[in-house]
Amino acid sequence: MCNDDRHESSSCPSQFKSLYIANIDPQVSEAILIQLLSGFGKITRSILAKDYRGEPRGFAFVEFESTHSAEQAVEHMNGSYKVH
């Protein structure tokens, strides 16, 4: 099994296409988020969470068409700080 601690992460094939993105600046729109991430592959769905007043909650979910695209986005964007 891939979730066994004895396995290296590279030996387990990744199956995810959806990403949870946290700590998003309130000024970042869904369009900007898509623009920032679409360079890694086709995005099939995105949700920028908002509260009952329509204000951003600082996180989003983005689903890519392929696992490779999602992996590339994580590899290049994880822990990064981007300003537009």
PDB file of N, CA and C in Angstrom:
ATOM      1  N   MET A   1       0.832  -1.183   0.000  1.00  0.00           N
ATOM      2  CA  MET A   1       0.000   0.000   0.000  1.00  0.00           C
ATOM      3  C   MET A   1       0.872   1.240   0.000  1.00  0.00           C
ATOM      4  N   CYS A   2       0.442   2.268  -0.709  1.00  0.00           N
ATOM      5  CA  CYS A   2       1.230   3.487  -0.819  1.00  0.00           C
ATOM      6  C   CYS A   2       1.229   4.338   0.433  1.00  0.00           C
ATOM      7  N   ASN A   3       0.250   4.196   1.298  1.00  0.00           N
ATOM      8  CA  ASN A   3       0.248   5.022   2.500  1.00  0.00           C
ATOM      9  C   ASN A   3       1.085   4.410   3.617  1.00  0.00           C
ATOM     10  N   ASP A   4       1.764   3.322   3.336  1.00  0.00           N
ATOM     11  CA  ASP A   4       2.687   2.699   4.282  1.00  0.00           C
ATOM     12  C   ASP A   4       3.923   3.584   4.400  1.00  0.00           C
ATOM     13  N   ASP A   5       4.354   3.889   5.612  1.00  0.00           N
ATOM     14  CA  ASP A   5       5.477   4.792   5.842  1.00  0.00           C
ATOM     15  C   ASP A   5       6.791   4.282   5.262  1.00  0.00           C
ATOM     16  N   ARG A   6       6.880   3.005   4.960  1.00  0.00           N
ATOM     17  CA  ARG A   6       8.124   2.454   4.433  1.00  0.00           C
ATOM     18  C   ARG A   6       8.343   2.824   2.973  1.00  0.00           C
ATOM     19  N   HIS A   7       7.306   3.265   2.291  1.00  0.00           N
ATOM     20  CA  HIS A   7       7.426   3.598   0.875  1.00  0.00           C
ATOM     21  C   HIS A   7       7.879   5.036   0.699  1.00  0.00           C
ATOM     22  N   GLU A   8       8.715   5.242  -0.284  1.00  0.00           N
ATOM     23  CA  GLU A   8       9.088   6.598  -0.669  1.00  0.00           C
ATOM     24  C   GLU A   8       7.908   7.201  -1.409  1.00  0.00           C
ATOM     25  N   SER A   9       7.730   8.511  -1.293  1.00  0.00           N
ATOM     26  CA  SER A   9       6.599   9.154  -1.958  1.00  0.00           C
ATOM     27  C   SER A   9       6.683   8.996  -3.473  1.00  0.00           C
ATOM     28  N   SER A  10       7.886   8.933  -4.034  1.00  0.00           N
ATOM     29  CA  SER A  10       8.032   8.792  -5.474  1.00  0.00           C
ATOM     30  C   SER A  10       7.627   7.404  -5.968  1.00  0.00           C
ATOM     31  N   SER A  11       7.551   6.422  -5.087  1.00  0.00           N
ATOM     32  CA  SER A  11       7.175   5.080  -5.512  1.00  0.00           C
ATOM     33  C   SER A  11       5.666   4.889  -5.543  1.00  0.00           C
ATOM     34  N   CYS A  12       4.921   5.855  -5.057  1.00  0.00           N
ATOM     35  CA  CYS A  12       3.468   5.770  -5.018  1.00  0.00           C
ATOM     36  C   CYS A  12       2.878   6.695  -6.065  1.00  0.00           C
ATOM     37  N   PRO A  13       2.139   6.148  -7.008  1.00  0.00           N
ATOM     38  CA  PRO A  13       1.555   7.012  -8.029  1.00  0.00           C
ATOM     39  C   PRO A  13       0.521   7.948  -7.418  1.00  0.00           C
ATOM     40  N   SER A  14       0.550   9.184  -7.855  1.00  0.00           N
ATOM     41  CA  SER A  14      -0.399  10.177  -7.360  1.00  0.00           C
ATOM     42  C   SER A  14      -1.721  10.030  -8.099  1.00  0.00           C
ATOM     43  N   GLN A  15      -2.815  10.235  -7.403  1.00  0.00           N
ATOM     44  CA  GLN A  15      -4.131  10.089  -8.007  1.00  0.00           C
ATOM     45  C   GLN A  15      -4.954  11.369  -7.919  1.00  0.00           C
ATOM     46  N   PHE A  16      -4.405  12.429  -7.347  1.00  0.00           N
ATOM     47  CA  PHE A  16      -5.220  13.606  -7.111  1.00  0.00           C
ATOM     48  C   PHE A  16      -5.255  14.539  -8.315  1.00  0.00           C
ATOM     49  N   LYS A  17      -6.379  15.223  -8.465  1.00  0.00           N
ATOM     50  CA  LYS A  17      -6.543  16.275  -9.465  1.00  0.00           C
ATOM     51  C   LYS A  17      -6.990  17.572  -8.811  1.00  0.00           C
ATOM     52  N   SER A  18      -7.525  17.474  -7.601  1.00  0.00           N
ATOM     53  CA  SER A  18      -8.059  18.642  -6.904  1.00  0.00           C
ATOM     54  C   SER A  18      -7.073  19.142  -5.856  1.00  0.00           C
ATOM     55  N   LEU A  19      -6.962  20.458  -5.771  1.00  0.00           N
ATOM     56  CA  LEU A  19      -6.072  21.082  -4.808  1.00  0.00           C
ATOM     57  C   LEU A  19      -6.857  21.988  -3.875  1.00  0.00           C
ATOM     58  N   TYR A  20      -6.450  22.009  -2.627  1.00  0.00           N
ATOM     59  CA  TYR A  20      -6.940  22.974  -1.647  1.00  0.00           C
ATOM     60  C   TYR A  20      -5.866  24.040  -1.550  1.00  0.00           C
ATOM     61  N   ILE A  21      -6.246  25.277  -1.763  1.00  0.00           N
ATOM     62  CA  ILE A  21      -5.291  26.376  -1.743  1.00  0.00           C
ATOM     63  C   ILE A  21      -5.670  27.305  -0.600  1.00  0.00           C
ATOM     64  N   ALA A  22      -4.729  27.542   0.306  1.00  0.00           N
ATOM     65  CA  ALA A  22      -4.999  28.338   1.508  1.00  0.00           C
ATOM     66  C   ALA A  22      -4.220  29.645   1.494  1.00  0.00           C
ATOM     67  N   ASN A  23      -4.583  30.518   2.424  1.00  0.00           N
ATOM     68  CA  ASN A  23      -3.906  31.804   2.633  1.00  0.00           C
ATOM     69  C   ASN A  23      -3.945  32.695   1.399  1.00  0.00           C
ATOM     70  N   ILE A  24      -5.096  32.738   0.753  1.00  0.00           N
ATOM     71  CA  ILE A  24      -5.268  33.583  -0.428  1.00  0.00           C
ATOM     72  C   ILE A  24      -5.626  34.995   0.026  1.00  0.00           C
ATOM     73  N   ASP A  25      -4.918  35.956  -0.505  1.00  0.00           N
ATOM     74  CA  ASP A  25      -5.192  37.357  -0.187  1.00  0.00           C
ATOM     75  C   ASP A  25      -6.628  37.707  -0.597  1.00  0.00           C
ATOM     76  N   PRO A  26      -7.336  38.472   0.209  1.00  0.00           N
ATOM     77  CA  PRO A  26      -8.724  38.838  -0.114  1.00  0.00           C
ATOM     78  C   PRO A  26      -8.864  39.601  -1.430  1.00  0.00           C
ATOM     79  N   GLN A  27      -7.799  40.220  -1.905  1.00  0.00           N
ATOM     80  CA  GLN A  27      -7.853  40.968  -3.165  1.00  0.00           C
ATOM     81  C   GLN A  27      -7.767  40.066  -4.398  1.00  0.00           C
ATOM     82  N   VAL A  28      -7.425  38.795  -4.203  1.00  0.00           N
ATOM     83  CA  VAL A  28      -7.283  37.865  -5.326  1.00  0.00           C
ATOM     84  C   VAL A  28      -8.656  37.337  -5.719  1.00  0.00           C
ATOM     85  N   SER A  29      -9.011  37.559  -6.980  1.00  0.00           N
ATOM     86  CA  SER A  29     -10.293  37.073  -7.495  1.00  0.00           C
ATOM     87  C   SER A  29     -10.132  35.652  -8.027  1.00  0.00           C
ATOM     88  N   GLU A  30     -11.256  35.024  -8.310  1.00  0.00           N
ATOM     89  CA  GLU A  30     -11.213  33.684  -8.893  1.00  0.00           C
ATOM     90  C   GLU A  30     -10.536  33.726 -10.263  1.00  0.00           C
ATOM     91  N   ALA A  31     -10.780  34.782 -11.022  1.00  0.00           N
ATOM     92  CA  ALA A  31     -10.157  34.923 -12.342  1.00  0.00           C
ATOM     93  C   ALA A  31      -8.633  35.002 -12.232  1.00  0.00           C
ATOM     94  N   ILE A  32      -8.135  35.742 -11.256  1.00  0.00           N
ATOM     95  CA  ILE A  32      -6.685  35.841 -11.057  1.00  0.00           C
ATOM     96  C   ILE A  32      -6.114  34.494 -10.640  1.00  0.00           C
ATOM     97  N   LEU A  33      -6.815  33.802  -9.767  1.00  0.00           N
ATOM     98  CA  LEU A  33      -6.367  32.484  -9.321  1.00  0.00           C
ATOM     99  C   LEU A  33      -6.269  31.521 -10.504  1.00  0.00           C
ATOM    100  N   ILE A  34      -7.276  31.522 -11.353  1.00  0.00           N
ATOM    101  CA  ILE A  34      -7.273  30.657 -12.536  1.00  0.00           C
ATOM    102  C   ILE A  34      -6.138  31.044 -13.473  1.00  0.00           C
ATOM    103  N   GLN A  35      -5.952  32.335 -13.672  1.00  0.00           N
ATOM    104  CA  GLN A  35      -4.867  32.806 -14.535  1.00  0.00           C
ATOM    105  C   GLN A  35      -3.512  32.346 -14.005  1.00  0.00           C
ATOM    106  N   LEU A  36      -3.337  32.427 -12.710  1.00  0.00           N
ATOM    107  CA  LEU A  36      -2.080  32.042 -12.081  1.00  0.00           C
ATOM    108  C   LEU A  36      -1.800  30.545 -12.226  1.00  0.00           C
ATOM    109  N   LEU A  37      -2.839  29.723 -12.130  1.00  0.00           N
ATOM    110  CA  LEU A  37      -2.655  28.270 -12.134  1.00  0.00           C
ATOM    111  C   LEU A  37      -2.841  27.608 -13.496  1.00  0.00           C
ATOM    112  N   SER A  38      -3.463  28.281 -14.442  1.00  0.00           N
ATOM    113  CA  SER A  38      -3.760  27.647 -15.728  1.00  0.00           C
ATOM    114  C   SER A  38      -2.512  27.337 -16.544  1.00  0.00           C
ATOM    115  N   GLY A  39      -1.390  27.928 -16.200  1.00  0.00           N
ATOM    116  CA  GLY A  39      -0.145  27.599 -16.884  1.00  0.00           C
ATOM    117  C   GLY A  39       0.324  26.176 -16.624  1.00  0.00           C
ATOM    118  N   PHE A  40      -0.242  25.526 -15.623  1.00  0.00           N
ATOM    119  CA  PHE A  40       0.137  24.148 -15.296  1.00  0.00           C
ATOM    120  C   PHE A  40      -0.752  23.123 -15.981  1.00  0.00           C
ATOM    121  N   GLY A  41      -1.863  23.568 -16.567  1.00  0.00           N
ATOM    122  CA  GLY A  41      -2.769  22.664 -17.256  1.00  0.00           C
ATOM    123  C   GLY A  41      -4.193  23.177 -17.205  1.00  0.00           C
ATOM    124  N   LYS A  42      -5.067  22.455 -17.895  1.00  0.00           N
ATOM    125  CA  LYS A  42      -6.470  22.865 -17.974  1.00  0.00           C
ATOM    126  C   LYS A  42      -7.155  22.696 -16.618  1.00  0.00           C
ATOM    127  N   ILE A  43      -7.829  23.750 -16.183  1.00  0.00           N
ATOM    128  CA  ILE A  43      -8.602  23.725 -14.944  1.00  0.00           C
ATOM    129  C   ILE A  43     -10.046  23.405 -15.303  1.00  0.00           C
ATOM    130  N   THR A  44     -10.590  22.369 -14.675  1.00  0.00           N
ATOM    131  CA  THR A  44     -11.963  21.963 -14.971  1.00  0.00           C
ATOM    132  C   THR A  44     -12.979  22.561 -14.012  1.00  0.00           C
ATOM    133  N   ARG A  45     -12.520  22.956 -12.828  1.00  0.00           N
ATOM    134  CA  ARG A  45     -13.434  23.551 -11.851  1.00  0.00           C
ATOM    135  C   ARG A  45     -12.628  24.339 -10.831  1.00  0.00           C
ATOM    136  N   SER A  46     -13.210  25.437 -10.377  1.00  0.00           N
ATOM    137  CA  SER A  46     -12.580  26.214  -9.304  1.00  0.00           C
ATOM    138  C   SER A  46     -13.659  26.825  -8.431  1.00  0.00           C
ATOM    139  N   ILE A  47     -13.374  26.874  -7.149  1.00  0.00           N
ATOM    140  CA  ILE A  47     -14.296  27.470  -6.182  1.00  0.00           C
ATOM    141  C   ILE A  47     -13.477  28.327  -5.230  1.00  0.00           C
ATOM    142  N   LEU A  48     -13.723  29.621  -5.248  1.00  0.00           N
ATOM    143  CA  LEU A  48     -13.116  30.537  -4.295  1.00  0.00           C
ATOM    144  C   LEU A  48     -14.142  30.738  -3.187  1.00  0.00           C
ATOM    145  N   ALA A  49     -13.832  30.246  -2.008  1.00  0.00           N
ATOM    146  CA  ALA A  49     -14.792  30.269  -0.897  1.00  0.00           C
ATOM    147  C   ALA A  49     -15.099  31.700  -0.466  1.00  0.00           C
ATOM    148  N   LYS A  50     -16.394  31.951  -0.223  1.00  0.00           N
ATOM    149  CA  LYS A  50     -16.849  33.264   0.244  1.00  0.00           C
ATOM    150  C   LYS A  50     -17.801  33.081   1.413  1.00  0.00           C
ATOM    151  N   ASP A  51     -17.869  34.101   2.252  1.00  0.00           N
ATOM    152  CA  ASP A  51     -18.786  34.038   3.389  1.00  0.00           C
ATOM    153  C   ASP A  51     -20.188  34.484   2.962  1.00  0.00           C
ATOM    154  N   TYR A  52     -21.093  34.592   3.913  1.00  0.00           N
ATOM    155  CA  TYR A  52     -22.484  34.921   3.607  1.00  0.00           C
ATOM    156  C   TYR A  52     -22.647  36.330   3.019  1.00  0.00           C
ATOM    157  N   ARG A  53     -21.660  37.194   3.204  1.00  0.00           N
ATOM    158  CA  ARG A  53     -21.700  38.541   2.631  1.00  0.00           C
ATOM    159  C   ARG A  53     -21.043  38.604   1.258  1.00  0.00           C
ATOM    160  N   GLY A  54     -20.491  37.489   0.818  1.00  0.00           N
ATOM    161  CA  GLY A  54     -19.794  37.456  -0.459  1.00  0.00           C
ATOM    162  C   GLY A  54     -18.330  37.833  -0.371  1.00  0.00           C
ATOM    163  N   GLU A  55     -17.833  37.948   0.855  1.00  0.00           N
ATOM    164  CA  GLU A  55     -16.422  38.290   1.065  1.00  0.00           C
ATOM    165  C   GLU A  55     -15.561  37.023   1.010  1.00  0.00           C
ATOM    166  N   PRO A  56     -14.369  37.118   0.411  1.00  0.00           N
ATOM    167  CA  PRO A  56     -13.483  35.948   0.325  1.00  0.00           C
ATOM    168  C   PRO A  56     -13.094  35.426   1.705  1.00  0.00           C
ATOM    169  N   ARG A  57     -13.036  34.104   1.811  1.00  0.00           N
ATOM    170  CA  ARG A  57     -12.652  33.463   3.075  1.00  0.00           C
ATOM    171  C   ARG A  57     -11.176  33.070   3.106  1.00  0.00           C
ATOM    172  N   GLY A  58     -10.452  33.293   2.015  1.00  0.00           N
ATOM    173  CA  GLY A  58      -9.010  33.050   2.013  1.00  0.00           C
ATOM    174  C   GLY A  58      -8.580  31.669   1.574  1.00  0.00           C
ATOM    175  N   PHE A  59      -9.507  30.894   1.007  1.00  0.00           N
ATOM    176  CA  PHE A  59      -9.111  29.589   0.482  1.00  0.00           C
ATOM    177  C   PHE A  59      -9.939  29.246  -0.744  1.00  0.00           C
ATOM    178  N   ALA A  60      -9.442  28.270  -1.505  1.00  0.00           N
ATOM    179  CA  ALA A  60     -10.116  27.857  -2.736  1.00  0.00           C
ATOM    180  C   ALA A  60      -9.842  26.383  -3.000  1.00  0.00           C
ATOM    181  N   PHE A  61     -10.654  25.828  -3.884  1.00  0.00           N
ATOM    182  CA  PHE A  61     -10.453  24.483  -4.406  1.00  0.00           C
ATOM    183  C   PHE A  61     -10.323  24.617  -5.918  1.00  0.00           C
ATOM    184  N   VAL A  62      -9.326  23.961  -6.482  1.00  0.00           N
ATOM    185  CA  VAL A  62      -9.114  23.987  -7.926  1.00  0.00           C
ATOM    186  C   VAL A  62      -8.933  22.553  -8.392  1.00  0.00           C
ATOM    187  N   GLU A  63      -9.659  22.193  -9.441  1.00  0.00           N
ATOM    188  CA  GLU A  63      -9.541  20.846 -10.010  1.00  0.00           C
ATOM    189  C   GLU A  63      -8.948  20.948 -11.408  1.00  0.00           C
ATOM    190  N   PHE A  64      -7.894  20.178 -11.632  1.00  0.00           N
ATOM    191  CA  PHE A  64      -7.249  20.123 -12.934  1.00  0.00           C
ATOM    192  C   PHE A  64      -7.782  18.941 -13.734  1.00  0.00           C
ATOM    193  N   GLU A  65      -7.597  19.004 -15.038  1.00  0.00           N
ATOM    194  CA  GLU A  65      -8.022  17.912 -15.909  1.00  0.00           C
ATOM    195  C   GLU A  65      -7.168  16.658 -15.700  1.00  0.00           C
ATOM    196  N   SER A  66      -5.895  16.850 -15.355  1.00  0.00           N
ATOM    197  CA  SER A  66      -5.005  15.695 -15.187  1.00  0.00           C
ATOM    198  C   SER A  66      -4.264  15.750 -13.856  1.00  0.00           C
ATOM    199  N   THR A  67      -3.860  14.583 -13.395  1.00  0.00           N
ATOM    200  CA  THR A  67      -3.066  14.522 -12.164  1.00  0.00           C
ATOM    201  C   THR A  67      -1.701  15.175 -12.378  1.00  0.00           C
ATOM    202  N   HIS A  68      -1.160  15.040 -13.577  1.00  0.00           N
ATOM    203  CA  HIS A  68       0.141  15.650 -13.873  1.00  0.00           C
ATOM    204  C   HIS A  68       0.086  17.164 -13.676  1.00  0.00           C
ATOM    205  N   SER A  69      -0.974  17.792 -14.150  1.00  0.00           N
ATOM    206  CA  SER A  69      -1.124  19.241 -13.995  1.00  0.00           C
ATOM    207  C   SER A  69      -1.205  19.628 -12.528  1.00  0.00           C
ATOM    208  N   ALA A  70      -1.970  18.870 -11.758  1.00  0.00           N
ATOM    209  CA  ALA A  70      -2.091  19.145 -10.321  1.00  0.00           C
ATOM    210  C   ALA A  70      -0.741  18.988  -9.630  1.00  0.00           C
ATOM    211  N   GLU A  71      -0.003  17.949  -9.984  1.00  0.00           N
ATOM    212  CA  GLU A  71       1.321  17.730  -9.396  1.00  0.00           C
ATOM    213  C   GLU A  71       2.273  18.870  -9.733  1.00  0.00           C
ATOM    214  N   GLN A  72       2.227  19.343 -10.973  1.00  0.00           N
ATOM    215  CA  GLN A  72       3.088  20.449 -11.386  1.00  0.00           C
ATOM    216  C   GLN A  72       2.751  21.722 -10.612  1.00  0.00           C
ATOM    217  N   ALA A  73       1.468  21.977 -10.422  1.00  0.00           N
ATOM    218  CA  ALA A  73       1.050  23.161  -9.665  1.00  0.00           C
ATOM    219  C   ALA A  73       1.559  23.086  -8.230  1.00  0.00           C
ATOM    220  N   VAL A  74       1.431  21.931  -7.608  1.00  0.00           N
ATOM    221  CA  VAL A  74       1.912  21.769  -6.231  1.00  0.00           C
ATOM    222  C   VAL A  74       3.424  21.944  -6.185  1.00  0.00           C
ATOM    223  N   GLU A  75       4.124  21.301  -7.101  1.00  0.00           N
ATOM    224  CA  GLU A  75       5.586  21.357  -7.112  1.00  0.00           C
ATOM    225  C   GLU A  75       6.104  22.786  -7.258  1.00  0.00           C
ATOM    226  N   HIS A  76       5.458  23.564  -8.112  1.00  0.00           N
ATOM    227  CA  HIS A  76       5.950  24.911  -8.391  1.00  0.00           C
ATOM    228  C   HIS A  76       5.357  26.003  -7.503  1.00  0.00           C
ATOM    229  N   MET A  77       4.187  25.765  -6.937  1.00  0.00           N
ATOM    230  CA  MET A  77       3.511  26.831  -6.195  1.00  0.00           C
ATOM    231  C   MET A  77       3.464  26.613  -4.689  1.00  0.00           C
ATOM    232  N   ASN A  78       3.671  25.407  -4.212  1.00  0.00           N
ATOM    233  CA  ASN A  78       3.545  25.120  -2.787  1.00  0.00           C
ATOM    234  C   ASN A  78       4.511  25.979  -1.972  1.00  0.00           C
ATOM    235  N   GLY A  79       3.959  26.729  -1.035  1.00  0.00           N
ATOM    236  CA  GLY A  79       4.775  27.570  -0.176  1.00  0.00           C
ATOM    237  C   GLY A  79       5.207  28.880  -0.803  1.00  0.00           C
ATOM    238  N   SER A  80       4.750  29.157  -2.017  1.00  0.00           N
ATOM    239  CA  SER A  80       5.181  30.384  -2.683  1.00  0.00           C
ATOM    240  C   SER A  80       4.234  31.539  -2.388  1.00  0.00           C
ATOM    241  N   TYR A  81       4.725  32.711  -2.636  1.00  0.00           N
ATOM    242  CA  TYR A  81       3.963  33.933  -2.426  1.00  0.00           C
ATOM    243  C   TYR A  81       3.988  34.694  -3.738  1.00  0.00           C
ATOM    244  N   LYS A  82       2.841  34.878  -4.340  1.00  0.00           N
ATOM    245  CA  LYS A  82       2.752  35.572  -5.624  1.00  0.00           C
ATOM    246  C   LYS A  82       1.961  36.850  -5.459  1.00  0.00           C
ATOM    247  N   VAL A  83       2.413  37.896  -6.109  1.00  0.00           N
ATOM    248  CA  VAL A  83       1.715  39.181  -6.086  1.00  0.00           C
ATOM    249  C   VAL A  83       1.409  39.573  -7.521  1.00  0.00           C
ATOM    250  N   HIS A  84       0.171  40.006  -7.737  1.00  0.00           N
ATOM    251  CA  HIS A  84      -0.222  40.480  -9.078  1.00  0.00           C
ATOM    252  C   HIS A  84      -0.535  41.941  -9.030  1.00  0.00           C
TER     253      HIS A  84
END
